[in-house]
């Protein structure tokens, strides 16, 4: 959403709410709504191919905590297949959503079961729950980019509880 100042050139440029009007001309982009809903449906089915197909050909996903990025549908599908083995029964529950035209932010809760032992610790089969935020950029109905923000320390605390 763009904020455009609304004042004549001779205005003293004081900043107050009346001086700014939100441009909401594209605030309800059905392509963005459909893309985000399809994203969570594919993720919750563990359908890496369908999820990757939602991205533009050169689309990418980034893990914000470490900057790891997968670009292109093949890399996205491979990464998701690996993830679905790491956290089995993964389920994303969107909690809050903010739409700003072709950009969307979603607060989610991820629940699942660890599908592997981590660092030699007996974590396989243990439940996990993480809160996070996905940021989506959508162009022509396709995901141009997604960024995933979640707290690795919260994940580590859950692992520590499981093995204590």
C-alpha atoms as a PDB file:
ATOM      1  CA  UNK A   1       0.000   0.000   0.000  1.00  0.00           C
ATOM      2  CA  UNK A   2       1.412   3.378  -0.959  1.00  0.00           C
ATOM      3  CA  UNK A   3       0.919   6.419   1.196  1.00  0.00           C
ATOM      4  CA  UNK A   4       0.754   9.499  -0.963  1.00  0.00           C
ATOM      5  CA  UNK A   5       1.014  12.921   0.661  1.00  0.00           C
ATOM      6  CA  UNK A   6      -1.932  15.140  -0.246  1.00  0.00           C
ATOM      7  CA  UNK A   7      -0.935  18.777   0.082  1.00  0.00           C
ATOM      8  CA  UNK A   8      -0.345  21.752  -2.201  1.00  0.00           C
ATOM      9  CA  UNK A   9       3.283  22.690  -2.902  1.00  0.00           C
ATOM     10  CA  UNK A  10       3.034  25.704  -0.588  1.00  0.00           C
ATOM     11  CA  UNK A  11       1.868  23.628   2.395  1.00  0.00           C
ATOM     12  CA  UNK A  12       4.133  23.844   5.433  1.00  0.00           C
ATOM     13  CA  UNK A  13       4.479  20.030   5.222  1.00  0.00           C
ATOM     14  CA  UNK A  14       3.437  19.293   8.783  1.00  0.00           C
ATOM     15  CA  UNK A  15       2.867  15.593   9.104  1.00  0.00           C
ATOM     16  CA  UNK A  16      -0.542  14.700  10.366  1.00  0.00           C
ATOM     17  CA  UNK A  17      -2.997  11.978   9.493  1.00  0.00           C
ATOM     18  CA  UNK A  18      -5.084  14.255   7.274  1.00  0.00           C
ATOM     19  CA  UNK A  19      -2.086  14.818   4.994  1.00  0.00           C
ATOM     20  CA  UNK A  20      -1.862  11.156   3.980  1.00  0.00           C
ATOM     21  CA  UNK A  21      -4.345   9.077   2.058  1.00  0.00           C
ATOM     22  CA  UNK A  22      -3.821   5.378   1.494  1.00  0.00           C
ATOM     23  CA  UNK A  23      -3.876   4.209  -2.125  1.00  0.00           C
ATOM     24  CA  UNK A  24      -6.111   1.143  -1.906  1.00  0.00           C
ATOM     25  CA  UNK A  25      -6.759   0.742  -5.619  1.00  0.00           C
ATOM     26  CA  UNK A  26      -5.201  -2.743  -5.646  1.00  0.00           C
ATOM     27  CA  UNK A  27      -5.758  -3.778  -2.021  1.00  0.00           C
ATOM     28  CA  UNK A  28      -8.030  -6.675  -2.997  1.00  0.00           C
ATOM     29  CA  UNK A  29      -6.102  -8.663  -5.558  1.00  0.00           C
ATOM     30  CA  UNK A  30      -7.967 -11.942  -6.061  1.00  0.00           C
ATOM     31  CA  UNK A  31      -4.891 -13.427  -7.738  1.00  0.00           C
ATOM     32  CA  UNK A  32      -2.947 -12.881  -4.520  1.00  0.00           C
ATOM     33  CA  UNK A  33      -5.748 -14.354  -2.410  1.00  0.00           C
ATOM     34  CA  UNK A  34      -5.977 -17.448  -4.596  1.00  0.00           C
ATOM     35  CA  UNK A  35      -2.189 -17.918  -4.685  1.00  0.00           C
ATOM     36  CA  UNK A  36      -1.843 -17.747  -0.897  1.00  0.00           C
ATOM     37  CA  UNK A  37      -4.760 -20.119  -0.318  1.00  0.00           C
ATOM     38  CA  UNK A  38      -3.325 -22.579  -2.865  1.00  0.00           C
ATOM     39  CA  UNK A  39       0.093 -22.298  -1.159  1.00  0.00           C
ATOM     40  CA  UNK A  40      -1.250 -23.428   2.223  1.00  0.00           C
ATOM     41  CA  UNK A  41      -3.435 -26.107   0.657  1.00  0.00           C
ATOM     42  CA  UNK A  42      -0.416 -27.613  -1.160  1.00  0.00           C
ATOM     43  CA  UNK A  43       1.809 -27.326   1.929  1.00  0.00           C
ATOM     44  CA  UNK A  44      -0.809 -29.003   4.127  1.00  0.00           C
ATOM     45  CA  UNK A  45      -1.187 -31.855   1.583  1.00  0.00           C
ATOM     46  CA  UNK A  46       2.634 -32.186   1.555  1.00  0.00           C
ATOM     47  CA  UNK A  47       2.449 -31.795  -2.215  1.00  0.00           C
ATOM     48  CA  UNK A  48       5.854 -30.314  -3.021  1.00  0.00           C
ATOM     49  CA  UNK A  49       5.201 -30.430  -6.772  1.00  0.00           C
ATOM     50  CA  UNK A  50       1.949 -28.484  -6.500  1.00  0.00           C
ATOM     51  CA  UNK A  51       3.535 -25.947  -4.138  1.00  0.00           C
ATOM     52  CA  UNK A  52       6.530 -25.415  -6.445  1.00  0.00           C
ATOM     53  CA  UNK A  53       4.202 -25.006  -9.444  1.00  0.00           C
ATOM     54  CA  UNK A  54       2.627 -21.968  -7.743  1.00  0.00           C
ATOM     55  CA  UNK A  55       5.892 -20.054  -8.129  1.00  0.00           C
ATOM     56  CA  UNK A  56       6.981 -18.081 -11.165  1.00  0.00           C
ATOM     57  CA  UNK A  57       9.611 -19.954 -13.185  1.00  0.00           C
ATOM     58  CA  UNK A  58      12.397 -18.012 -11.452  1.00  0.00           C
ATOM     59  CA  UNK A  59      10.528 -17.630  -8.148  1.00  0.00           C
ATOM     60  CA  UNK A  60      12.301 -18.144  -4.858  1.00  0.00           C
ATOM     61  CA  UNK A  61      11.823 -18.951  -1.185  1.00  0.00           C
ATOM     62  CA  UNK A  62      14.098 -17.667   1.565  1.00  0.00           C
ATOM     63  CA  UNK A  63      14.541 -18.771   5.169  1.00  0.00           C
ATOM     64  CA  UNK A  64      15.060 -15.440   6.892  1.00  0.00           C
ATOM     65  CA  UNK A  65      16.893 -16.825   9.937  1.00  0.00           C
ATOM     66  CA  UNK A  66      19.876 -18.005   7.889  1.00  0.00           C
ATOM     67  CA  UNK A  67      19.375 -16.454   4.441  1.00  0.00           C
ATOM     68  CA  UNK A  68      19.148 -19.848   2.706  1.00  0.00           C
ATOM     69  CA  UNK A  69      17.375 -19.395  -0.622  1.00  0.00           C
ATOM     70  CA  UNK A  70      15.949 -21.883  -3.097  1.00  0.00           C
ATOM     71  CA  UNK A  71      15.286 -20.471  -6.554  1.00  0.00           C
ATOM     72  CA  UNK A  72      13.422 -22.104  -9.423  1.00  0.00           C
ATOM     73  CA  UNK A  73      10.661 -24.682  -9.266  1.00  0.00           C
ATOM     74  CA  UNK A  74      12.950 -27.717  -9.233  1.00  0.00           C
ATOM     75  CA  UNK A  75      14.976 -26.424  -6.276  1.00  0.00           C
ATOM     76  CA  UNK A  76      11.785 -25.426  -4.472  1.00  0.00           C
ATOM     77  CA  UNK A  77      10.266 -28.877  -4.931  1.00  0.00           C
ATOM     78  CA  UNK A  78      13.460 -30.620  -3.780  1.00  0.00           C
ATOM     79  CA  UNK A  79      13.656 -28.420  -0.677  1.00  0.00           C
ATOM     80  CA  UNK A  80      10.020 -29.020   0.215  1.00  0.00           C
ATOM     81  CA  UNK A  81      10.311 -32.785  -0.255  1.00  0.00           C
ATOM     82  CA  UNK A  82      13.244 -32.722   2.162  1.00  0.00           C
ATOM     83  CA  UNK A  83      11.329 -30.530   4.622  1.00  0.00           C
ATOM     84  CA  UNK A  84       8.279 -32.821   4.589  1.00  0.00           C
ATOM     85  CA  UNK A  85      10.591 -35.668   5.656  1.00  0.00           C
ATOM     86  CA  UNK A  86      12.172 -33.529   8.374  1.00  0.00           C
ATOM     87  CA  UNK A  87       8.833 -32.477   9.913  1.00  0.00           C
ATOM     88  CA  UNK A  88       6.239 -35.106   9.144  1.00  0.00           C
ATOM     89  CA  UNK A  89       2.547 -34.402   9.591  1.00  0.00           C
ATOM     90  CA  UNK A  90       3.421 -30.722   9.109  1.00  0.00           C
ATOM     91  CA  UNK A  91       0.383 -28.480   9.182  1.00  0.00           C
ATOM     92  CA  UNK A  92       0.321 -24.703   8.744  1.00  0.00           C
ATOM     93  CA  UNK A  93      -2.566 -22.885  10.403  1.00  0.00           C
ATOM     94  CA  UNK A  94      -2.823 -19.286   9.210  1.00  0.00           C
ATOM     95  CA  UNK A  95      -3.699 -17.036  12.177  1.00  0.00           C
ATOM     96  CA  UNK A  96      -3.597 -13.506  10.787  1.00  0.00           C
ATOM     97  CA  UNK A  97      -3.319 -12.083   7.305  1.00  0.00           C
ATOM     98  CA  UNK A  98      -2.542  -8.657   5.920  1.00  0.00           C
ATOM     99  CA  UNK A  99      -3.145  -8.027   2.229  1.00  0.00           C
ATOM    100  CA  UNK A 100      -1.475  -5.098   0.495  1.00  0.00           C
ATOM    101  CA  UNK A 101      -2.260  -5.670  -3.161  1.00  0.00           C
ATOM    102  CA  UNK A 102       0.280  -8.121  -4.549  1.00  0.00           C
ATOM    103  CA  UNK A 103       2.077  -8.397  -1.191  1.00  0.00           C
ATOM    104  CA  UNK A 104       0.649 -10.528   1.595  1.00  0.00           C
ATOM    105  CA  UNK A 105       1.852 -11.270   5.133  1.00  0.00           C
ATOM    106  CA  UNK A 106       0.530 -14.290   7.020  1.00  0.00           C
ATOM    107  CA  UNK A 107       1.152 -15.146  10.669  1.00  0.00           C
ATOM    108  CA  UNK A 108       0.953 -18.924  11.032  1.00  0.00           C
ATOM    109  CA  UNK A 109       1.442 -21.740  13.504  1.00  0.00           C
ATOM    110  CA  UNK A 110       3.279 -24.809  12.218  1.00  0.00           C
ATOM    111  CA  UNK A 111       2.677 -28.094  13.999  1.00  0.00           C
ATOM    112  CA  UNK A 112       4.162 -31.444  13.128  1.00  0.00           C
ATOM    113  CA  UNK A 113       6.286 -34.358  14.206  1.00  0.00           C
ATOM    114  CA  UNK A 114      10.046 -34.557  13.843  1.00  0.00           C
ATOM    115  CA  UNK A 115      10.844 -37.201  11.248  1.00  0.00           C
ATOM    116  CA  UNK A 116      14.556 -37.426  12.040  1.00  0.00           C
ATOM    117  CA  UNK A 117      16.951 -37.578  14.944  1.00  0.00           C
ATOM    118  CA  UNK A 118      18.801 -34.275  15.269  1.00  0.00           C
ATOM    119  CA  UNK A 119      22.520 -34.167  16.072  1.00  0.00           C
ATOM    120  CA  UNK A 120      22.399 -37.740  17.328  1.00  0.00           C
ATOM    121  CA  UNK A 121      19.606 -36.983  19.786  1.00  0.00           C
ATOM    122  CA  UNK A 122      16.449 -39.139  19.897  1.00  0.00           C
ATOM    123  CA  UNK A 123      14.069 -36.514  18.495  1.00  0.00           C
ATOM    124  CA  UNK A 124      12.305 -38.633  15.855  1.00  0.00           C
ATOM    125  CA  UNK A 125       8.572 -38.842  16.532  1.00  0.00           C
ATOM    126  CA  UNK A 126       8.499 -35.823  18.848  1.00  0.00           C
ATOM    127  CA  UNK A 127       5.895 -33.076  18.339  1.00  0.00           C
ATOM    128  CA  UNK A 128       6.945 -29.585  17.334  1.00  0.00           C
ATOM    129  CA  UNK A 129       5.060 -26.271  17.235  1.00  0.00           C
ATOM    130  CA  UNK A 130       6.414 -23.019  15.819  1.00  0.00           C
ATOM    131  CA  UNK A 131       4.934 -19.618  15.125  1.00  0.00           C
ATOM    132  CA  UNK A 132       6.120 -17.804  12.053  1.00  0.00           C
ATOM    133  CA  UNK A 133       5.367 -15.276   9.358  1.00  0.00           C
ATOM    134  CA  UNK A 134       5.319 -15.831   5.608  1.00  0.00           C
ATOM    135  CA  UNK A 135       5.767 -12.821   3.336  1.00  0.00           C
ATOM    136  CA  UNK A 136       4.487 -13.306  -0.205  1.00  0.00           C
ATOM    137  CA  UNK A 137       5.090 -11.269  -3.359  1.00  0.00           C
ATOM    138  CA  UNK A 138       2.725 -12.256  -6.157  1.00  0.00           C
ATOM    139  CA  UNK A 139       3.007 -11.265  -9.819  1.00  0.00           C
ATOM    140  CA  UNK A 140       0.373 -12.240 -12.394  1.00  0.00           C
ATOM    141  CA  UNK A 141      -1.098 -14.825 -10.011  1.00  0.00           C
ATOM    142  CA  UNK A 142       2.255 -16.601  -9.430  1.00  0.00           C
ATOM    143  CA  UNK A 143       4.469 -16.468  -6.363  1.00  0.00           C
ATOM    144  CA  UNK A 144       7.471 -14.321  -7.226  1.00  0.00           C
ATOM    145  CA  UNK A 145       8.976 -14.765  -3.779  1.00  0.00           C
ATOM    146  CA  UNK A 146       8.241 -16.021  -0.300  1.00  0.00           C
ATOM    147  CA  UNK A 147      10.151 -15.326   2.876  1.00  0.00           C
ATOM    148  CA  UNK A 148       9.704 -17.407   6.010  1.00  0.00           C
ATOM    149  CA  UNK A 149      10.412 -15.839   9.397  1.00  0.00           C
ATOM    150  CA  UNK A 150      10.433 -18.088  12.463  1.00  0.00           C
ATOM    151  CA  UNK A 151      12.418 -18.282  15.676  1.00  0.00           C
ATOM    152  CA  UNK A 152      15.211 -20.888  15.570  1.00  0.00           C
ATOM    153  CA  UNK A 153      15.746 -20.433  19.330  1.00  0.00           C
ATOM    154  CA  UNK A 154      12.142 -21.537  19.957  1.00  0.00           C
ATOM    155  CA  UNK A 155      12.828 -24.636  17.852  1.00  0.00           C
ATOM    156  CA  UNK A 156      16.042 -25.339  19.804  1.00  0.00           C
ATOM    157  CA  UNK A 157      14.198 -24.963  23.122  1.00  0.00           C
ATOM    158  CA  UNK A 158      11.680 -27.572  22.011  1.00  0.00           C
ATOM    159  CA  UNK A 159      14.480 -29.938  21.015  1.00  0.00           C
ATOM    160  CA  UNK A 160      16.165 -29.378  24.396  1.00  0.00           C
ATOM    161  CA  UNK A 161      12.893 -30.141  26.226  1.00  0.00           C
ATOM    162  CA  UNK A 162      12.441 -33.314  24.238  1.00  0.00           C
ATOM    163  CA  UNK A 163      15.910 -34.600  25.071  1.00  0.00           C
ATOM    164  CA  UNK A 164      16.114 -33.440  28.705  1.00  0.00           C
END
